[in-house]
PDB file of all heavy atoms in Angstrom:
ATOM      1  N   ALA A   1       5.692  27.173 -63.354  1.00  0.00           N
ATOM      2  CA  ALA A   1       7.117  27.160 -63.009  1.00  0.00           C
ATOM      3  C   ALA A   1       7.302  26.641 -61.582  1.00  0.00           C
ATOM      4  O   ALA A   1       6.547  26.989 -60.673  1.00  0.00           O
ATOM      5  CB  ALA A   1       7.696  28.559 -63.141  1.00  0.00           C
ATOM      6  N   ARG A   2       8.340  25.814 -61.402  1.00  0.00           N
ATOM      7  CA  ARG A   2       8.613  25.243 -60.085  1.00  0.00           C
ATOM      8  C   ARG A   2       9.850  25.859 -59.442  1.00  0.00           C
ATOM      9  O   ARG A   2      10.025  25.777 -58.239  1.00  0.00           O
ATOM     10  CB  ARG A   2       8.774  23.722 -60.198  1.00  0.00           C
ATOM     11  CG  ARG A   2       7.459  23.011 -60.440  1.00  0.00           C
ATOM     12  CD  ARG A   2       6.536  23.211 -59.251  1.00  0.00           C
ATOM     13  NE  ARG A   2       5.179  22.704 -59.469  1.00  0.00           N
ATOM     14  CZ  ARG A   2       4.155  23.476 -59.784  1.00  0.00           C
ATOM     15  NH1 ARG A   2       4.326  24.796 -59.931  1.00  0.00           N
ATOM     16  NH2 ARG A   2       2.964  22.973 -59.966  1.00  0.00           N
ATOM     17  N   ARG A   3      10.729  26.448 -60.228  1.00  0.00           N
ATOM     18  CA  ARG A   3      11.895  27.131 -59.676  1.00  0.00           C
ATOM     19  C   ARG A   3      12.132  28.393 -60.505  1.00  0.00           C
ATOM     20  O   ARG A   3      12.465  28.315 -61.689  1.00  0.00           O
ATOM     21  CB  ARG A   3      13.122  26.230 -59.684  1.00  0.00           C
ATOM     22  CG  ARG A   3      14.373  26.910 -59.109  1.00  0.00           C
ATOM     23  CD  ARG A   3      15.525  25.946 -58.947  1.00  0.00           C
ATOM     24  NE  ARG A   3      15.246  24.979 -57.882  1.00  0.00           N
ATOM     25  CZ  ARG A   3      16.058  23.975 -57.559  1.00  0.00           C
ATOM     26  NH1 ARG A   3      17.186  23.808 -58.237  1.00  0.00           N
ATOM     27  NH2 ARG A   3      15.746  23.152 -56.598  1.00  0.00           N
ATOM     28  N   ILE A   4      11.952  29.519 -59.845  1.00  0.00           N
ATOM     29  CA  ILE A   4      12.105  30.816 -60.508  1.00  0.00           C
ATOM     30  C   ILE A   4      13.338  31.510 -59.948  1.00  0.00           C
ATOM     31  O   ILE A   4      13.481  31.679 -58.733  1.00  0.00           O
ATOM     32  CB  ILE A   4      10.860  31.699 -60.288  1.00  0.00           C
ATOM     33  CG1 ILE A   4       9.616  31.040 -60.903  1.00  0.00           C
ATOM     34  CG2 ILE A   4      11.069  33.086 -60.890  1.00  0.00           C
ATOM     35  CD1 ILE A   4       8.326  31.795 -60.638  1.00  0.00           C
ATOM     36  N   TRP A   5      14.233  31.886 -60.848  1.00  0.00           N
ATOM     37  CA  TRP A   5      15.420  32.642 -60.444  1.00  0.00           C
ATOM     38  C   TRP A   5      15.161  34.123 -60.705  1.00  0.00           C
ATOM     39  O   TRP A   5      14.864  34.523 -61.818  1.00  0.00           O
ATOM     40  CB  TRP A   5      16.642  32.166 -61.231  1.00  0.00           C
ATOM     41  CG  TRP A   5      17.876  33.007 -61.017  1.00  0.00           C
ATOM     42  CD1 TRP A   5      18.210  33.713 -59.901  1.00  0.00           C
ATOM     43  CD2 TRP A   5      18.941  33.224 -61.961  1.00  0.00           C
ATOM     44  NE1 TRP A   5      19.414  34.358 -60.066  1.00  0.00           N
ATOM     45  CE2 TRP A   5      19.897  34.063 -61.312  1.00  0.00           C
ATOM     46  CE3 TRP A   5      19.195  32.769 -63.248  1.00  0.00           C
ATOM     47  CZ2 TRP A   5      21.055  34.478 -61.944  1.00  0.00           C
ATOM     48  CZ3 TRP A   5      20.359  33.178 -63.879  1.00  0.00           C
ATOM     49  CH2 TRP A   5      21.278  34.021 -63.232  1.00  0.00           C
ATOM     50  N   VAL A   6      15.290  34.930 -59.646  1.00  0.00           N
ATOM     51  CA  VAL A   6      15.173  36.372 -59.755  1.00  0.00           C
ATOM     52  C   VAL A   6      16.564  36.959 -59.553  1.00  0.00           C
ATOM     53  O   VAL A   6      17.102  36.949 -58.433  1.00  0.00           O
ATOM     54  CB  VAL A   6      14.184  36.953 -58.728  1.00  0.00           C
ATOM     55  CG1 VAL A   6      13.988  38.444 -58.972  1.00  0.00           C
ATOM     56  CG2 VAL A   6      12.842  36.231 -58.804  1.00  0.00           C
ATOM     57  N   ALA A   7      17.169  37.447 -60.633  1.00  0.00           N
ATOM     58  CA  ALA A   7      18.527  37.998 -60.594  1.00  0.00           C
ATOM     59  C   ALA A   7      18.439  39.496 -60.373  1.00  0.00           C
ATOM     60  O   ALA A   7      18.008  40.245 -61.255  1.00  0.00           O
ATOM     61  CB  ALA A   7      19.256  37.689 -61.903  1.00  0.00           C
ATOM     62  N   CYS A   8      18.831  39.948 -59.195  1.00  0.00           N
ATOM     63  CA  CYS A   8      18.675  41.350 -58.801  1.00  0.00           C
ATOM     64  C   CYS A   8      20.011  42.064 -58.800  1.00  0.00           C
ATOM     65  O   CYS A   8      21.028  41.525 -58.360  1.00  0.00           O
ATOM     66  CB  CYS A   8      18.046  41.446 -57.419  1.00  0.00           C
ATOM     67  SG  CYS A   8      16.411  40.680 -57.308  1.00  0.00           S
ATOM     68  N   GLY A   9      19.995  43.297 -59.290  1.00  0.00           N
ATOM     69  CA  GLY A   9      21.192  44.122 -59.312  1.00  0.00           C
ATOM     70  C   GLY A   9      21.198  45.141 -58.199  1.00  0.00           C
ATOM     71  O   GLY A   9      20.312  45.161 -57.328  1.00  0.00           O
ATOM     72  N   PRO A  10      22.158  46.078 -58.232  1.00  0.00           N
ATOM     73  CA  PRO A  10      22.390  46.970 -57.104  1.00  0.00           C
ATOM     74  C   PRO A  10      21.587  48.267 -57.108  1.00  0.00           C
ATOM     75  O   PRO A  10      21.840  49.140 -56.281  1.00  0.00           O
ATOM     76  CB  PRO A  10      23.888  47.281 -57.248  1.00  0.00           C
ATOM     77  CG  PRO A  10      24.134  47.235 -58.724  1.00  0.00           C
ATOM     78  CD  PRO A  10      23.233  46.152 -59.251  1.00  0.00           C
ATOM     79  N   GLY A  11      20.631  48.395 -58.013  1.00  0.00           N
ATOM     80  CA  GLY A  11      19.870  49.640 -58.100  1.00  0.00           C
ATOM     81  C   GLY A  11      18.376  49.409 -57.985  1.00  0.00           C
ATOM     82  O   GLY A  11      17.917  48.378 -57.483  1.00  0.00           O
ATOM     83  N   ASN A  12      17.619  50.363 -58.493  1.00  0.00           N
ATOM     84  CA  ASN A  12      16.164  50.262 -58.398  1.00  0.00           C
ATOM     85  C   ASN A  12      15.595  49.173 -59.292  1.00  0.00           C
ATOM     86  O   ASN A  12      14.511  48.657 -59.022  1.00  0.00           O
ATOM     87  CB  ASN A  12      15.524  51.611 -58.736  1.00  0.00           C
ATOM     88  CG  ASN A  12      15.599  52.579 -57.575  1.00  0.00           C
ATOM     89  OD1 ASN A  12      15.588  52.176 -56.411  1.00  0.00           O
ATOM     90  ND2 ASN A  12      15.693  53.868 -57.876  1.00  0.00           N
ATOM     91  N   ASN A  13      16.296  48.817 -60.369  1.00  0.00           N
ATOM     92  CA  ASN A  13      15.854  47.686 -61.176  1.00  0.00           C
ATOM     93  C   ASN A  13      15.879  46.412 -60.332  1.00  0.00           C
ATOM     94  O   ASN A  13      14.950  45.605 -60.362  1.00  0.00           O
ATOM     95  CB  ASN A  13      16.745  47.548 -62.408  1.00  0.00           C
ATOM     96  CG  ASN A  13      16.177  46.613 -63.447  1.00  0.00           C
ATOM     97  OD1 ASN A  13      16.656  45.494 -63.610  1.00  0.00           O
ATOM     98  ND2 ASN A  13      15.162  47.053 -64.178  1.00  0.00           N
ATOM     99  N   GLY A  14      16.944  46.260 -59.554  1.00  0.00           N
ATOM    100  CA  GLY A  14      17.014  45.144 -58.622  1.00  0.00           C
ATOM    101  C   GLY A  14      15.928  45.223 -57.572  1.00  0.00           C
ATOM    102  O   GLY A  14      15.367  44.201 -57.154  1.00  0.00           O
ATOM    103  N   GLY A  15      15.607  46.448 -57.133  1.00  0.00           N
ATOM    104  CA  GLY A  15      14.513  46.622 -56.175  1.00  0.00           C
ATOM    105  C   GLY A  15      13.179  46.172 -56.744  1.00  0.00           C
ATOM    106  O   GLY A  15      12.378  45.526 -56.047  1.00  0.00           O
ATOM    107  N   ASP A  16      12.933  46.492 -58.019  1.00  0.00           N
ATOM    108  CA  ASP A  16      11.707  46.009 -58.671  1.00  0.00           C
ATOM    109  C   ASP A  16      11.660  44.488 -58.636  1.00  0.00           C
ATOM    110  O   ASP A  16      10.613  43.881 -58.375  1.00  0.00           O
ATOM    111  CB  ASP A  16      11.656  46.487 -60.124  1.00  0.00           C
ATOM    112  CG  ASP A  16      11.525  47.994 -60.255  1.00  0.00           C
ATOM    113  OD1 ASP A  16      11.098  48.646 -59.286  1.00  0.00           O
ATOM    114  OD2 ASP A  16      11.859  48.518 -61.340  1.00  0.00           O
ATOM    115  N   GLY A  17      12.811  43.856 -58.913  1.00  0.00           N
ATOM    116  CA  GLY A  17      12.871  42.401 -58.885  1.00  0.00           C
ATOM    117  C   GLY A  17      12.632  41.844 -57.499  1.00  0.00           C
ATOM    118  O   GLY A  17      11.968  40.811 -57.333  1.00  0.00           O
ATOM    119  N   LEU A  18      13.157  42.509 -56.479  1.00  0.00           N
ATOM    120  CA  LEU A  18      12.951  42.055 -55.093  1.00  0.00           C
ATOM    121  C   LEU A  18      11.476  42.118 -54.709  1.00  0.00           C
ATOM    122  O   LEU A  18      10.953  41.206 -54.051  1.00  0.00           O
ATOM    123  CB  LEU A  18      13.788  42.907 -54.142  1.00  0.00           C
ATOM    124  CG  LEU A  18      15.301  42.668 -54.183  1.00  0.00           C
ATOM    125  CD1 LEU A  18      16.033  43.772 -53.443  1.00  0.00           C
ATOM    126  CD2 LEU A  18      15.642  41.299 -53.582  1.00  0.00           C
ATOM    127  N   VAL A  19      10.787  43.181 -55.099  1.00  0.00           N
ATOM    128  CA  VAL A  19       9.350  43.274 -54.816  1.00  0.00           C
ATOM    129  C   VAL A  19       8.603  42.144 -55.511  1.00  0.00           C
ATOM    130  O   VAL A  19       7.735  41.485 -54.913  1.00  0.00           O
ATOM    131  CB  VAL A  19       8.789  44.638 -55.256  1.00  0.00           C
ATOM    132  CG1 VAL A  19       7.263  44.663 -55.095  1.00  0.00           C
ATOM    133  CG2 VAL A  19       9.418  45.766 -54.456  1.00  0.00           C
ATOM    134  N   ALA A  20       8.938  41.900 -56.789  1.00  0.00           N
ATOM    135  CA  ALA A  20       8.282  40.817 -57.523  1.00  0.00           C
ATOM    136  C   ALA A  20       8.548  39.466 -56.864  1.00  0.00           C
ATOM    137  O   ALA A  20       7.639  38.639 -56.728  1.00  0.00           O
ATOM    138  CB  ALA A  20       8.767  40.806 -58.972  1.00  0.00           C
ATOM    139  N   ALA A  21       9.808  39.233 -56.447  1.00  0.00           N
ATOM    140  CA  ALA A  21      10.146  37.969 -55.794  1.00  0.00           C
ATOM    141  C   ALA A  21       9.352  37.787 -54.511  1.00  0.00           C
ATOM    142  O   ALA A  21       8.851  36.686 -54.213  1.00  0.00           O
ATOM    143  CB  ALA A  21      11.647  37.932 -55.508  1.00  0.00           C
ATOM    144  N   THR A  22       9.210  38.847 -53.737  1.00  0.00           N
ATOM    145  CA  THR A  22       8.441  38.778 -52.485  1.00  0.00           C
ATOM    146  C   THR A  22       6.987  38.417 -52.762  1.00  0.00           C
ATOM    147  O   THR A  22       6.391  37.562 -52.075  1.00  0.00           O
ATOM    148  CB  THR A  22       8.532  40.122 -51.744  1.00  0.00           C
ATOM    149  OG1 THR A  22       9.904  40.405 -51.458  1.00  0.00           O
ATOM    150  CG2 THR A  22       7.737  40.094 -50.455  1.00  0.00           C
ATOM    151  N   LEU A  23       6.399  39.062 -53.767  1.00  0.00           N
ATOM    152  CA  LEU A  23       5.000  38.775 -54.095  1.00  0.00           C
ATOM    153  C   LEU A  23       4.831  37.345 -54.602  1.00  0.00           C
ATOM    154  O   LEU A  23       3.854  36.658 -54.248  1.00  0.00           O
ATOM    155  CB  LEU A  23       4.507  39.770 -55.146  1.00  0.00           C
ATOM    156  CG  LEU A  23       4.400  41.234 -54.676  1.00  0.00           C
ATOM    157  CD1 LEU A  23       4.086  42.149 -55.857  1.00  0.00           C
ATOM    158  CD2 LEU A  23       3.328  41.370 -53.595  1.00  0.00           C
ATOM    159  N   LEU A  24       5.757  36.880 -55.435  1.00  0.00           N
ATOM    160  CA  LEU A  24       5.672  35.505 -55.933  1.00  0.00           C
ATOM    161  C   LEU A  24       5.836  34.498 -54.796  1.00  0.00           C
ATOM    162  O   LEU A  24       5.156  33.464 -54.761  1.00  0.00           O
ATOM    163  CB  LEU A  24       6.751  35.280 -57.009  1.00  0.00           C
ATOM    164  CG  LEU A  24       6.553  36.020 -58.334  1.00  0.00           C
ATOM    165  CD1 LEU A  24       7.805  35.920 -59.193  1.00  0.00           C
ATOM    166  CD2 LEU A  24       5.343  35.468 -59.087  1.00  0.00           C
ATOM    167  N   TYR A  25       6.726  34.791 -53.863  1.00  0.00           N
ATOM    168  CA  TYR A  25       6.950  33.909 -52.716  1.00  0.00           C
ATOM    169  C   TYR A  25       5.687  33.837 -51.847  1.00  0.00           C
ATOM    170  O   TYR A  25       5.253  32.747 -51.436  1.00  0.00           O
ATOM    171  CB  TYR A  25       8.134  34.436 -51.911  1.00  0.00           C
ATOM    172  CG  TYR A  25       8.471  33.628 -50.692  1.00  0.00           C
ATOM    173  CD1 TYR A  25       9.106  32.398 -50.789  1.00  0.00           C
ATOM    174  CD2 TYR A  25       8.159  34.108 -49.414  1.00  0.00           C
ATOM    175  CE1 TYR A  25       9.424  31.658 -49.660  1.00  0.00           C
ATOM    176  CE2 TYR A  25       8.461  33.382 -48.278  1.00  0.00           C
ATOM    177  CZ  TYR A  25       9.094  32.149 -48.410  1.00  0.00           C
ATOM    178  OH  TYR A  25       9.399  31.426 -47.287  1.00  0.00           O
ATOM    179  N   LYS A  26       5.093  34.989 -51.539  1.00  0.00           N
ATOM    180  CA  LYS A  26       3.875  35.012 -50.725  1.00  0.00           C
ATOM    181  C   LYS A  26       2.733  34.282 -51.426  1.00  0.00           C
ATOM    182  O   LYS A  26       1.961  33.544 -50.794  1.00  0.00           O
ATOM    183  CB  LYS A  26       3.470  36.455 -50.438  1.00  0.00           C
ATOM    184  CG  LYS A  26       4.396  37.175 -49.462  1.00  0.00           C
ATOM    185  CD  LYS A  26       3.920  38.607 -49.236  1.00  0.00           C
ATOM    186  CE  LYS A  26       4.785  39.331 -48.200  1.00  0.00           C
ATOM    187  NZ  LYS A  26       4.330  40.731 -47.995  1.00  0.00           N
ATOM    188  N   HIS A  27       2.616  34.481 -52.731  1.00  0.00           N
ATOM    189  CA  HIS A  27       1.554  33.813 -53.488  1.00  0.00           C
ATOM    190  C   HIS A  27       1.712  32.296 -53.424  1.00  0.00           C
ATOM    191  O   HIS A  27       0.730  31.553 -53.232  1.00  0.00           O
ATOM    192  CB  HIS A  27       1.582  34.289 -54.942  1.00  0.00           C
ATOM    193  CG  HIS A  27       0.530  33.674 -55.812  1.00  0.00           C
ATOM    194  ND1 HIS A  27       0.760  32.520 -56.539  1.00  0.00           N
ATOM    195  CD2 HIS A  27      -0.758  34.026 -56.049  1.00  0.00           C
ATOM    196  CE1 HIS A  27      -0.331  32.194 -57.206  1.00  0.00           C
ATOM    197  NE2 HIS A  27      -1.270  33.103 -56.938  1.00  0.00           N
ATOM    198  N   ALA A  28       2.942  31.822 -53.580  1.00  0.00           N
ATOM    199  CA  ALA A  28       3.183  30.376 -53.526  1.00  0.00           C
ATOM    200  C   ALA A  28       2.818  29.804 -52.159  1.00  0.00           C
ATOM    201  O   ALA A  28       2.200  28.737 -52.059  1.00  0.00           O
ATOM    202  CB  ALA A  28       4.648  30.085 -53.859  1.00  0.00           C
ATOM    203  N   ARG A  29       3.181  30.517 -51.105  1.00  0.00           N
ATOM    204  CA  ARG A  29       2.878  30.020 -49.762  1.00  0.00           C
ATOM    205  C   ARG A  29       1.386  30.053 -49.478  1.00  0.00           C
ATOM    206  O   ARG A  29       0.829  29.125 -48.891  1.00  0.00           O
ATOM    207  CB  ARG A  29       3.629  30.870 -48.724  1.00  0.00           C
ATOM    208  CG  ARG A  29       5.149  30.695 -48.782  1.00  0.00           C
ATOM    209  CD  ARG A  29       5.833  31.370 -47.625  1.00  0.00           C
ATOM    210  NE  ARG A  29       5.469  30.748 -46.348  1.00  0.00           N
ATOM    211  CZ  ARG A  29       5.920  31.157 -45.162  1.00  0.00           C
ATOM    212  NH1 ARG A  29       6.749  32.198 -45.095  1.00  0.00           N
ATOM    213  NH2 ARG A  29       5.560  30.558 -44.056  1.00  0.00           N
ATOM    214  N   GLN A  30       0.713  31.114 -49.905  1.00  0.00           N
ATOM    215  CA  GLN A  30      -0.721  31.239 -49.644  1.00  0.00           C
ATOM    216  C   GLN A  30      -1.531  30.171 -50.359  1.00  0.00           C
ATOM    217  O   GLN A  30      -2.578  29.735 -49.873  1.00  0.00           O
ATOM    218  CB  GLN A  30      -1.209  32.629 -50.071  1.00  0.00           C
ATOM    219  CG  GLN A  30      -0.713  33.765 -49.173  1.00  0.00           C
ATOM    220  CD  GLN A  30      -0.993  35.130 -49.769  1.00  0.00           C
ATOM    221  OE1 GLN A  30      -1.574  35.245 -50.852  1.00  0.00           O
ATOM    222  NE2 GLN A  30      -0.600  36.188 -49.056  1.00  0.00           N
ATOM    223  N   HIS A  31      -1.058  29.721 -51.513  1.00  0.00           N
ATOM    224  CA  HIS A  31      -1.817  28.764 -52.303  1.00  0.00           C
ATOM    225  C   HIS A  31      -1.233  27.354 -52.247  1.00  0.00           C
ATOM    226  O   HIS A  31      -1.652  26.478 -53.011  1.00  0.00           O
ATOM    227  CB  HIS A  31      -1.895  29.238 -53.755  1.00  0.00           C
ATOM    228  CG  HIS A  31      -2.709  30.494 -53.936  1.00  0.00           C
ATOM    229  ND1 HIS A  31      -2.184  31.755 -53.728  1.00  0.00           N
ATOM    230  CD2 HIS A  31      -4.016  30.680 -54.284  1.00  0.00           C
ATOM    231  CE1 HIS A  31      -3.119  32.667 -53.955  1.00  0.00           C
ATOM    232  NE2 HIS A  31      -4.238  32.048 -54.296  1.00  0.00           N
ATOM    233  N   GLY A  32      -0.277  27.150 -51.373  1.00  0.00           N
ATOM    234  CA  GLY A  32       0.285  25.812 -51.198  1.00  0.00           C
ATOM    235  C   GLY A  32       1.029  25.303 -52.413  1.00  0.00           C
ATOM    236  O   GLY A  32       1.087  24.089 -52.635  1.00  0.00           O
ATOM    237  N   LEU A  33       1.622  26.195 -53.177  1.00  0.00           N
ATOM    238  CA  LEU A  33       2.356  25.790 -54.371  1.00  0.00           C
ATOM    239  C   LEU A  33       3.777  25.371 -54.007  1.00  0.00           C
ATOM    240  O   LEU A  33       4.344  25.833 -53.015  1.00  0.00           O
ATOM    241  CB  LEU A  33       2.400  26.939 -55.379  1.00  0.00           C
ATOM    242  CG  LEU A  33       1.046  27.495 -55.834  1.00  0.00           C
ATOM    243  CD1 LEU A  33       1.251  28.675 -56.785  1.00  0.00           C
ATOM    244  CD2 LEU A  33       0.203  26.421 -56.494  1.00  0.00           C
ATOM    245  N   GLN A  34       4.348  24.527 -54.830  1.00  0.00           N
ATOM    246  CA  GLN A  34       5.699  24.045 -54.595  1.00  0.00           C
ATOM    247  C   GLN A  34       6.761  24.930 -55.254  1.00  0.00           C
ATOM    248  O   GLN A  34       7.936  24.588 -55.280  1.00  0.00           O
ATOM    249  CB  GLN A  34       5.838  22.611 -55.134  1.00  0.00           C
ATOM    250  CG  GLN A  34       4.907  21.606 -54.480  1.00  0.00           C
ATOM    251  CD  GLN A  34       5.121  21.525 -52.979  1.00  0.00           C
ATOM    252  OE1 GLN A  34       6.260  21.396 -52.515  1.00  0.00           O
ATOM    253  NE2 GLN A  34       4.045  21.625 -52.219  1.00  0.00           N
ATOM    254  N   THR A  35       6.352  26.064 -55.764  1.00  0.00           N
ATOM    255  CA  THR A  35       7.269  26.947 -56.479  1.00  0.00           C
ATOM    256  C   THR A  35       8.357  27.473 -55.550  1.00  0.00           C
ATOM    257  O   THR A  35       8.065  27.997 -54.467  1.00  0.00           O
ATOM    258  CB  THR A  35       6.498  28.132 -57.085  1.00  0.00           C
ATOM    259  OG1 THR A  35       5.429  27.647 -57.886  1.00  0.00           O
ATOM    260  CG2 THR A  35       7.417  28.987 -57.938  1.00  0.00           C
ATOM    261  N   GLN A  36       9.598  27.352 -55.976  1.00  0.00           N
ATOM    262  CA  GLN A  36      10.735  27.913 -55.247  1.00  0.00           C
ATOM    263  C   GLN A  36      11.132  29.244 -55.876  1.00  0.00           C
ATOM    264  O   GLN A  36      11.270  29.342 -57.104  1.00  0.00           O
ATOM    265  CB  GLN A  36      11.929  26.963 -55.278  1.00  0.00           C
ATOM    266  CG  GLN A  36      11.717  25.653 -54.539  1.00  0.00           C
ATOM    267  CD  GLN A  36      12.959  24.766 -54.613  1.00  0.00           C
ATOM    268  OE1 GLN A  36      13.766  24.883 -55.537  1.00  0.00           O
ATOM    269  NE2 GLN A  36      13.109  23.893 -53.630  1.00  0.00           N
ATOM    270  N   ILE A  37      11.331  30.232 -55.039  1.00  0.00           N
ATOM    271  CA  ILE A  37      11.787  31.545 -55.508  1.00  0.00           C
ATOM    272  C   ILE A  37      13.227  31.715 -55.049  1.00  0.00           C
ATOM    273  O   ILE A  37      13.508  31.785 -53.847  1.00  0.00           O
ATOM    274  CB  ILE A  37      10.911  32.683 -54.947  1.00  0.00           C
ATOM    275  CG1 ILE A  37       9.426  32.400 -55.205  1.00  0.00           C
ATOM    276  CG2 ILE A  37      11.339  34.014 -55.558  1.00  0.00           C
ATOM    277  CD1 ILE A  37       9.053  32.296 -56.654  1.00  0.00           C
ATOM    278  N   CYS A  38      14.138  31.745 -56.008  1.00  0.00           N
ATOM    279  CA  CYS A  38      15.570  31.834 -55.705  1.00  0.00           C
ATOM    280  C   CYS A  38      16.076  33.224 -56.102  1.00  0.00           C
ATOM    281  O   CYS A  38      15.995  33.604 -57.278  1.00  0.00           O
ATOM    282  CB  CYS A  38      16.347  30.768 -56.474  1.00  0.00           C
ATOM    283  SG  CYS A  38      15.727  29.087 -56.242  1.00  0.00           S
ATOM    284  N   ILE A  39      16.590  33.960 -55.121  1.00  0.00           N
ATOM    285  CA  ILE A  39      17.075  35.316 -55.369  1.00  0.00           C
ATOM    286  C   ILE A  39      18.595  35.333 -55.335  1.00  0.00           C
ATOM    287  O   ILE A  39      19.217  34.755 -54.443  1.00  0.00           O
ATOM    288  CB  ILE A  39      16.554  36.293 -54.299  1.00  0.00           C
ATOM    289  CG1 ILE A  39      15.033  36.380 -54.316  1.00  0.00           C
ATOM    290  CG2 ILE A  39      17.133  37.691 -54.533  1.00  0.00           C
ATOM    291  CD1 ILE A  39      14.487  37.284 -53.231  1.00  0.00           C
ATOM    292  N   THR A  40      19.180  36.013 -56.323  1.00  0.00           N
ATOM    293  CA  THR A  40      20.581  36.400 -56.216  1.00  0.00           C
ATOM    294  C   THR A  40      20.633  37.917 -56.166  1.00  0.00           C
ATOM    295  O   THR A  40      19.826  38.599 -56.822  1.00  0.00           O
ATOM    296  CB  THR A  40      21.417  35.893 -57.402  1.00  0.00           C
ATOM    297  OG1 THR A  40      20.844  36.362 -58.628  1.00  0.00           O
ATOM    298  CG2 THR A  40      21.469  34.372 -57.413  1.00  0.00           C
ATOM    299  N   PHE A  41      21.548  38.420 -55.387  1.00  0.00           N
ATOM    300  CA  PHE A  41      21.656  39.870 -55.225  1.00  0.00           C
ATOM    301  C   PHE A  41      23.096  40.282 -55.475  1.00  0.00           C
ATOM    302  O   PHE A  41      24.003  39.908 -54.724  1.00  0.00           O
ATOM    303  CB  PHE A  41      21.206  40.286 -53.827  1.00  0.00           C
ATOM    304  CG  PHE A  41      21.323  41.761 -53.575  1.00  0.00           C
ATOM    305  CD1 PHE A  41      20.486  42.655 -54.207  1.00  0.00           C
ATOM    306  CD2 PHE A  41      22.301  42.251 -52.721  1.00  0.00           C
ATOM    307  CE1 PHE A  41      20.609  44.016 -53.991  1.00  0.00           C
ATOM    308  CE2 PHE A  41      22.426  43.608 -52.503  1.00  0.00           C
ATOM    309  CZ  PHE A  41      21.579  44.498 -53.136  1.00  0.00           C
ATOM    310  N   ALA A  42      23.324  41.024 -56.550  1.00  0.00           N
ATOM    311  CA  ALA A  42      24.674  41.472 -56.918  1.00  0.00           C
ATOM    312  C   ALA A  42      24.819  42.938 -56.551  1.00  0.00           C
ATOM    313  O   ALA A  42      24.518  43.827 -57.344  1.00  0.00           O
ATOM    314  CB  ALA A  42      24.910  41.262 -58.405  1.00  0.00           C
TER     315      ALA A  42
END
């Protein structure tokens, strides 16, 4: 995947998504991947 949308809500489910987005973002940077992690927060 080159562009991943993480749609986060206002509770702990959204928090789970935020943690996942952070890990995916760090992984992409560490391995020189072109993957974009796009977060929306409602």
